[in-house]
PDB file of N, CA and C in Angstrom:
ATOM      1  N   UNK A   1    -117.360 -44.645 109.280  1.00  0.00           N
ATOM      2  CA  UNK A   1    -117.134 -46.109 109.966  1.00  0.00           C
ATOM      3  C   UNK A   1    -116.645 -46.933 109.064  1.00  0.00           C
ATOM      4  N   UNK A   2    -114.716 -47.433 109.204  1.00  0.00           N
ATOM      5  CA  UNK A   2    -114.279 -48.049 108.639  1.00  0.00           C
ATOM      6  C   UNK A   2    -115.107 -49.744 108.094  1.00  0.00           C
ATOM      7  N   UNK A   3    -114.974 -49.900 107.144  1.00  0.00           N
ATOM      8  CA  UNK A   3    -115.229 -51.731 107.023  1.00  0.00           C
ATOM      9  C   UNK A   3    -113.632 -52.265 107.092  1.00  0.00           C
ATOM     10  N   UNK A   4    -113.543 -52.902 108.215  1.00  0.00           N
ATOM     11  CA  UNK A   4    -112.063 -54.290 108.247  1.00  0.00           C
ATOM     12  C   UNK A   4    -112.444 -54.987 107.473  1.00  0.00           C
ATOM     13  N   UNK A   5    -112.967 -55.415 106.840  1.00  0.00           N
ATOM     14  CA  UNK A   5    -112.888 -55.898 105.744  1.00  0.00           C
ATOM     15  C   UNK A   5    -111.973 -55.751 104.586  1.00  0.00           C
ATOM     16  N   UNK A   6    -112.274 -54.458 104.415  1.00  0.00           N
ATOM     17  CA  UNK A   6    -111.543 -53.790 103.204  1.00  0.00           C
ATOM     18  C   UNK A   6    -109.880 -53.767 103.453  1.00  0.00           C
ATOM     19  N   UNK A   7    -109.460 -53.627 104.747  1.00  0.00           N
ATOM     20  CA  UNK A   7    -108.692 -53.805 105.135  1.00  0.00           C
ATOM     21  C   UNK A   7    -107.282 -55.137 105.456  1.00  0.00           C
ATOM     22  N   UNK A   8    -108.212 -55.898 104.546  1.00  0.00           N
ATOM     23  CA  UNK A   8    -107.740 -57.353 104.872  1.00  0.00           C
ATOM     24  C   UNK A   8    -106.240 -57.271 103.860  1.00  0.00           C
ATOM     25  N   UNK A   9    -107.171 -56.794 102.414  1.00  0.00           N
ATOM     26  CA  UNK A   9    -105.796 -57.594 101.800  1.00  0.00           C
ATOM     27  C   UNK A   9    -104.587 -56.198 101.235  1.00  0.00           C
ATOM     28  N   UNK A  10    -104.852 -55.129 102.075  1.00  0.00           N
ATOM     29  CA  UNK A  10    -104.326 -53.715 101.889  1.00  0.00           C
ATOM     30  C   UNK A  10    -102.904 -54.069 103.333  1.00  0.00           C
ATOM     31  N   UNK A  11    -101.821 -53.544 102.746  1.00  0.00           N
ATOM     32  CA  UNK A  11    -101.032 -54.105 101.641  1.00  0.00           C
ATOM     33  C   UNK A  11    -101.398 -56.085 101.724  1.00  0.00           C
ATOM     34  N   UNK A  12    -101.056 -56.317 100.453  1.00  0.00           N
ATOM     35  CA  UNK A  12    -100.825 -57.511  99.960  1.00  0.00           C
ATOM     36  C   UNK A  12     -99.134 -58.320 100.901  1.00  0.00           C
ATOM     37  N   UNK A  13    -100.062 -59.466 101.469  1.00  0.00           N
ATOM     38  CA  UNK A  13     -98.298 -60.058 102.033  1.00  0.00           C
ATOM     39  C   UNK A  13     -97.964 -60.958 101.382  1.00  0.00           C
ATOM     40  N   UNK A  14     -96.864 -61.939 101.112  1.00  0.00           N
ATOM     41  CA  UNK A  14     -96.605 -63.254 100.777  1.00  0.00           C
ATOM     42  C   UNK A  14     -96.475 -64.396 101.733  1.00  0.00           C
ATOM     43  N   UNK A  15     -97.095 -65.327 102.183  1.00  0.00           N
ATOM     44  CA  UNK A  15     -97.467 -66.055 102.720  1.00  0.00           C
ATOM     45  C   UNK A  15     -95.987 -67.228 102.896  1.00  0.00           C
ATOM     46  N   UNK A  16     -96.205 -67.406 104.195  1.00  0.00           N
ATOM     47  CA  UNK A  16     -94.548 -68.148 104.944  1.00  0.00           C
ATOM     48  C   UNK A  16     -94.604 -69.845 103.595  1.00  0.00           C
ATOM     49  N   UNK A  17     -93.801 -69.582 103.440  1.00  0.00           N
ATOM     50  CA  UNK A  17     -93.852 -71.438 102.510  1.00  0.00           C
ATOM     51  C   UNK A  17     -93.585 -72.465 103.547  1.00  0.00           C
ATOM     52  N   UNK A  18     -93.891 -72.047 104.899  1.00  0.00           N
ATOM     53  CA  UNK A  18     -94.094 -73.221 105.574  1.00  0.00           C
ATOM     54  C   UNK A  18     -95.325 -73.407 105.915  1.00  0.00           C
ATOM     55  N   UNK A  19     -96.189 -72.310 105.596  1.00  0.00           N
ATOM     56  CA  UNK A  19     -98.136 -72.789 106.239  1.00  0.00           C
ATOM     57  C   UNK A  19     -98.083 -72.842 104.501  1.00  0.00           C
ATOM     58  N   UNK A  20     -97.619 -72.774 103.800  1.00  0.00           N
ATOM     59  CA  UNK A  20     -98.082 -72.808 102.510  1.00  0.00           C
ATOM     60  C   UNK A  20     -97.846 -74.478 102.293  1.00  0.00           C
ATOM     61  N   UNK A  21     -96.606 -74.855 102.972  1.00  0.00           N
ATOM     62  CA  UNK A  21     -96.371 -76.607 102.332  1.00  0.00           C
ATOM     63  C   UNK A  21     -97.886 -77.164 103.493  1.00  0.00           C
ATOM     64  N   UNK A  22     -98.224 -76.316 105.141  1.00  0.00           N
ATOM     65  CA  UNK A  22     -98.642 -77.545 106.048  1.00  0.00           C
ATOM     66  C   UNK A  22    -100.468 -77.737 105.229  1.00  0.00           C
ATOM     67  N   UNK A  23    -100.514 -75.867 104.603  1.00  0.00           N
ATOM     68  CA  UNK A  23    -102.107 -76.154 103.881  1.00  0.00           C
ATOM     69  C   UNK A  23    -102.388 -77.118 102.834  1.00  0.00           C
ATOM     70  N   UNK A  24    -101.418 -77.134 102.601  1.00  0.00           N
ATOM     71  CA  UNK A  24    -101.253 -77.971 101.239  1.00  0.00           C
ATOM     72  C   UNK A  24    -101.424 -79.544 101.744  1.00  0.00           C
ATOM     73  N   UNK A  25    -100.334 -79.687 102.645  1.00  0.00           N
ATOM     74  CA  UNK A  25    -100.094 -81.406 103.156  1.00  0.00           C
ATOM     75  C   UNK A  25    -101.560 -81.483 104.113  1.00  0.00           C
ATOM     76  N   UNK A  26    -102.984 -80.564 104.447  1.00  0.00           N
ATOM     77  CA  UNK A  26    -103.802 -80.829 104.866  1.00  0.00           C
ATOM     78  C   UNK A  26    -105.084 -80.877 104.440  1.00  0.00           C
ATOM     79  N   UNK A  27    -104.275 -80.338 102.827  1.00  0.00           N
ATOM     80  CA  UNK A  27    -105.816 -80.721 101.754  1.00  0.00           C
ATOM     81  C   UNK A  27    -105.875 -81.665 102.090  1.00  0.00           C
ATOM     82  N   UNK A  28    -104.139 -82.466 101.137  1.00  0.00           N
ATOM     83  CA  UNK A  28    -103.422 -83.397 100.407  1.00  0.00           C
ATOM     84  C   UNK A  28    -104.451 -84.861 101.951  1.00  0.00           C
ATOM     85  N   UNK A  29    -103.974 -84.513 103.077  1.00  0.00           N
ATOM     86  CA  UNK A  29    -104.341 -85.634 103.808  1.00  0.00           C
ATOM     87  C   UNK A  29    -106.445 -85.785 103.502  1.00  0.00           C
ATOM     88  N   UNK A  30    -107.091 -84.377 103.776  1.00  0.00           N
ATOM     89  CA  UNK A  30    -108.435 -84.748 103.511  1.00  0.00           C
ATOM     90  C   UNK A  30    -109.116 -85.224 102.467  1.00  0.00           C
ATOM     91  N   UNK A  31    -107.984 -84.995 101.424  1.00  0.00           N
ATOM     92  CA  UNK A  31    -109.100 -85.894  99.872  1.00  0.00           C
ATOM     93  C   UNK A  31    -108.698 -87.295 100.538  1.00  0.00           C
ATOM     94  N   UNK A  32    -107.321 -88.355 100.651  1.00  0.00           N
ATOM     95  CA  UNK A  32    -106.958 -88.867 100.773  1.00  0.00           C
ATOM     96  C   UNK A  32    -108.394 -89.620 102.197  1.00  0.00           C
ATOM     97  N   UNK A  33    -108.725 -89.057 102.961  1.00  0.00           N
ATOM     98  CA  UNK A  33    -109.708 -89.413 103.772  1.00  0.00           C
ATOM     99  C   UNK A  33    -110.756 -89.569 103.279  1.00  0.00           C
ATOM    100  N   UNK A  34    -111.165 -88.420 102.395  1.00  0.00           N
ATOM    101  CA  UNK A  34    -112.601 -88.764 101.247  1.00  0.00           C
ATOM    102  C   UNK A  34    -112.657 -90.144 100.656  1.00  0.00           C
ATOM    103  N   UNK A  35    -111.293 -89.823  99.984  1.00  0.00           N
ATOM    104  CA  UNK A  35    -111.410 -91.131  99.299  1.00  0.00           C
ATOM    105  C   UNK A  35    -111.568 -92.673 100.051  1.00  0.00           C
ATOM    106  N   UNK A  36    -110.881 -93.193 101.098  1.00  0.00           N
ATOM    107  CA  UNK A  36    -110.761 -94.152 101.936  1.00  0.00           C
ATOM    108  C   UNK A  36    -112.320 -94.428 102.604  1.00  0.00           C
ATOM    109  N   UNK A  37    -113.381 -92.815 103.232  1.00  0.00           N
ATOM    110  CA  UNK A  37    -114.080 -93.199 103.259  1.00  0.00           C
ATOM    111  C   UNK A  37    -115.293 -93.795 101.606  1.00  0.00           C
ATOM    112  N   UNK A  38    -115.308 -92.940 100.696  1.00  0.00           N
ATOM    113  CA  UNK A  38    -115.745 -92.980 100.189  1.00  0.00           C
ATOM    114  C   UNK A  38    -115.423 -94.808  99.098  1.00  0.00           C
ATOM    115  N   UNK A  39    -114.342 -95.521 100.136  1.00  0.00           N
ATOM    116  CA  UNK A  39    -114.161 -96.805  99.346  1.00  0.00           C
ATOM    117  C   UNK A  39    -115.185 -97.491 100.614  1.00  0.00           C
ATOM    118  N   UNK A  40    -115.545 -96.584 101.508  1.00  0.00           N
ATOM    119  CA  UNK A  40    -115.406 -97.823 102.764  1.00  0.00           C
ATOM    120  C   UNK A  40    -117.517 -97.311 102.490  1.00  0.00           C
ATOM    121  N   UNK A  41    -117.862 -96.588 102.269  1.00  0.00           N
ATOM    122  CA  UNK A  41    -119.431 -96.178 101.932  1.00  0.00           C
ATOM    123  C   UNK A  41    -120.396 -96.633 100.638  1.00  0.00           C
ATOM    124  N   UNK A  42    -120.039 -96.018  99.519  1.00  0.00           N
ATOM    125  CA  UNK A  42    -121.051 -96.189  98.707  1.00  0.00           C
ATOM    126  C   UNK A  42    -120.637 -97.071  98.321  1.00  0.00           C
ATOM    127  N   UNK A  43    -118.666 -97.947  98.256  1.00  0.00           N
ATOM    128  CA  UNK A  43    -118.869 -99.441  96.930  1.00  0.00           C
ATOM    129  C   UNK A  43    -119.543-100.260  98.319  1.00  0.00           C
ATOM    130  N   UNK A  44    -119.356 -99.916  99.666  1.00  0.00           N
ATOM    131  CA  UNK A  44    -119.514-101.004 100.555  1.00  0.00           C
ATOM    132  C   UNK A  44    -121.389-100.877 100.100  1.00  0.00           C
ATOM    133  N   UNK A  45    -122.145-100.350  99.967  1.00  0.00           N
ATOM    134  CA  UNK A  45    -123.561-100.673  99.379  1.00  0.00           C
ATOM    135  C   UNK A  45    -123.588-101.109  98.273  1.00  0.00           C
ATOM    136  N   UNK A  46    -122.657-101.084  97.222  1.00  0.00           N
ATOM    137  CA  UNK A  46    -123.249-101.491  95.771  1.00  0.00           C
ATOM    138  C   UNK A  46    -122.725-102.917  95.946  1.00  0.00           C
ATOM    139  N   UNK A  47    -121.697-103.407  96.583  1.00  0.00           N
ATOM    140  CA  UNK A  47    -121.424-104.293  96.918  1.00  0.00           C
ATOM    141  C   UNK A  47    -122.298-105.569  98.200  1.00  0.00           C
ATOM    142  N   UNK A  48    -122.655-104.659  98.523  1.00  0.00           N
ATOM    143  CA  UNK A  48    -124.065-105.492  99.799  1.00  0.00           C
ATOM    144  C   UNK A  48    -124.846-106.308  98.788  1.00  0.00           C
ATOM    145  N   UNK A  49    -125.570-105.237  97.940  1.00  0.00           N
ATOM    146  CA  UNK A  49    -126.333-104.654  96.901  1.00  0.00           C
ATOM    147  C   UNK A  49    -126.207-105.791  95.677  1.00  0.00           C
ATOM    148  N   UNK A  50    -124.341-106.328  94.873  1.00  0.00           N
ATOM    149  CA  UNK A  50    -124.454-107.214  94.256  1.00  0.00           C
ATOM    150  C   UNK A  50    -124.218-108.249  95.171  1.00  0.00           C
ATOM    151  N   UNK A  51    -123.976-108.296  95.672  1.00  0.00           N
ATOM    152  CA  UNK A  51    -124.316-110.164  96.804  1.00  0.00           C
ATOM    153  C   UNK A  51    -125.491-110.355  96.630  1.00  0.00           C
ATOM    154  N   UNK A  52    -126.275-109.960  97.269  1.00  0.00           N
ATOM    155  CA  UNK A  52    -128.030-109.846  97.324  1.00  0.00           C
ATOM    156  C   UNK A  52    -128.682-110.725  96.232  1.00  0.00           C
ATOM    157  N   UNK A  53    -128.406-110.101  95.027  1.00  0.00           N
ATOM    158  CA  UNK A  53    -128.756-110.177  93.355  1.00  0.00           C
ATOM    159  C   UNK A  53    -128.583-111.595  92.867  1.00  0.00           C
ATOM    160  N   UNK A  54    -126.540-111.627  93.560  1.00  0.00           N
ATOM    161  CA  UNK A  54    -126.292-113.053  92.508  1.00  0.00           C
ATOM    162  C   UNK A  54    -127.141-113.685  93.565  1.00  0.00           C
ATOM    163  N   UNK A  55    -127.013-113.843  95.148  1.00  0.00           N
ATOM    164  CA  UNK A  55    -127.702-114.616  95.822  1.00  0.00           C
ATOM    165  C   UNK A  55    -128.816-115.145  95.746  1.00  0.00           C
ATOM    166  N   UNK A  56    -129.929-113.912  94.925  1.00  0.00           N
ATOM    167  CA  UNK A  56    -131.149-114.114  94.882  1.00  0.00           C
ATOM    168  C   UNK A  56    -131.239-114.965  93.249  1.00  0.00           C
ATOM    169  N   UNK A  57    -130.248-115.143  92.450  1.00  0.00           N
ATOM    170  CA  UNK A  57    -130.185-115.805  90.964  1.00  0.00           C
ATOM    171  C   UNK A  57    -130.229-117.110  91.660  1.00  0.00           C
ATOM    172  N   UNK A  58    -128.948-117.059  92.291  1.00  0.00           N
ATOM    173  CA  UNK A  58    -128.607-118.480  92.570  1.00  0.00           C
ATOM    174  C   UNK A  58    -129.312-119.321  93.597  1.00  0.00           C
ATOM    175  N   UNK A  59    -130.217-119.004  94.497  1.00  0.00           N
ATOM    176  CA  UNK A  59    -132.208-119.444  94.827  1.00  0.00           C
ATOM    177  C   UNK A  59    -132.876-119.614  93.739  1.00  0.00           C
ATOM    178  N   UNK A  60    -132.593-118.950  93.126  1.00  0.00           N
ATOM    179  CA  UNK A  60    -134.160-119.179  91.800  1.00  0.00           C
ATOM    180  C   UNK A  60    -133.459-120.016  91.127  1.00  0.00           C
ATOM    181  N   UNK A  61    -132.141-120.416  90.339  1.00  0.00           N
ATOM    182  CA  UNK A  61    -131.683-121.655  89.528  1.00  0.00           C
ATOM    183  C   UNK A  61    -132.153-122.862  90.586  1.00  0.00           C
ATOM    184  N   UNK A  62    -131.583-122.642  91.726  1.00  0.00           N
ATOM    185  CA  UNK A  62    -131.613-124.015  92.439  1.00  0.00           C
ATOM    186  C   UNK A  62    -133.196-124.410  92.782  1.00  0.00           C
ATOM    187  N   UNK A  63    -134.538-123.405  92.974  1.00  0.00           N
ATOM    188  CA  UNK A  63    -135.738-124.226  92.634  1.00  0.00           C
ATOM    189  C   UNK A  63    -136.332-124.192  91.417  1.00  0.00           C
ATOM    190  N   UNK A  64    -135.317-124.610  90.310  1.00  0.00           N
ATOM    191  CA  UNK A  64    -136.114-124.845  89.331  1.00  0.00           C
ATOM    192  C   UNK A  64    -136.171-126.166  88.916  1.00  0.00           C
TER     193      UNK A  64
END
């Protein structure tokens, strides 16, 4: 019984330029989406924590 996975690379074929461009565009879009998601998720958490820390400092200063 032949292993079909061994036939995948035989013979190696050149990928069409249109397909290469589409794949690279998709990768670029995915990276952009990841960066935007990071901006609104992890940085949002840091911003909220910073807000409450500043608020607590102001509250403590007013009570003194």
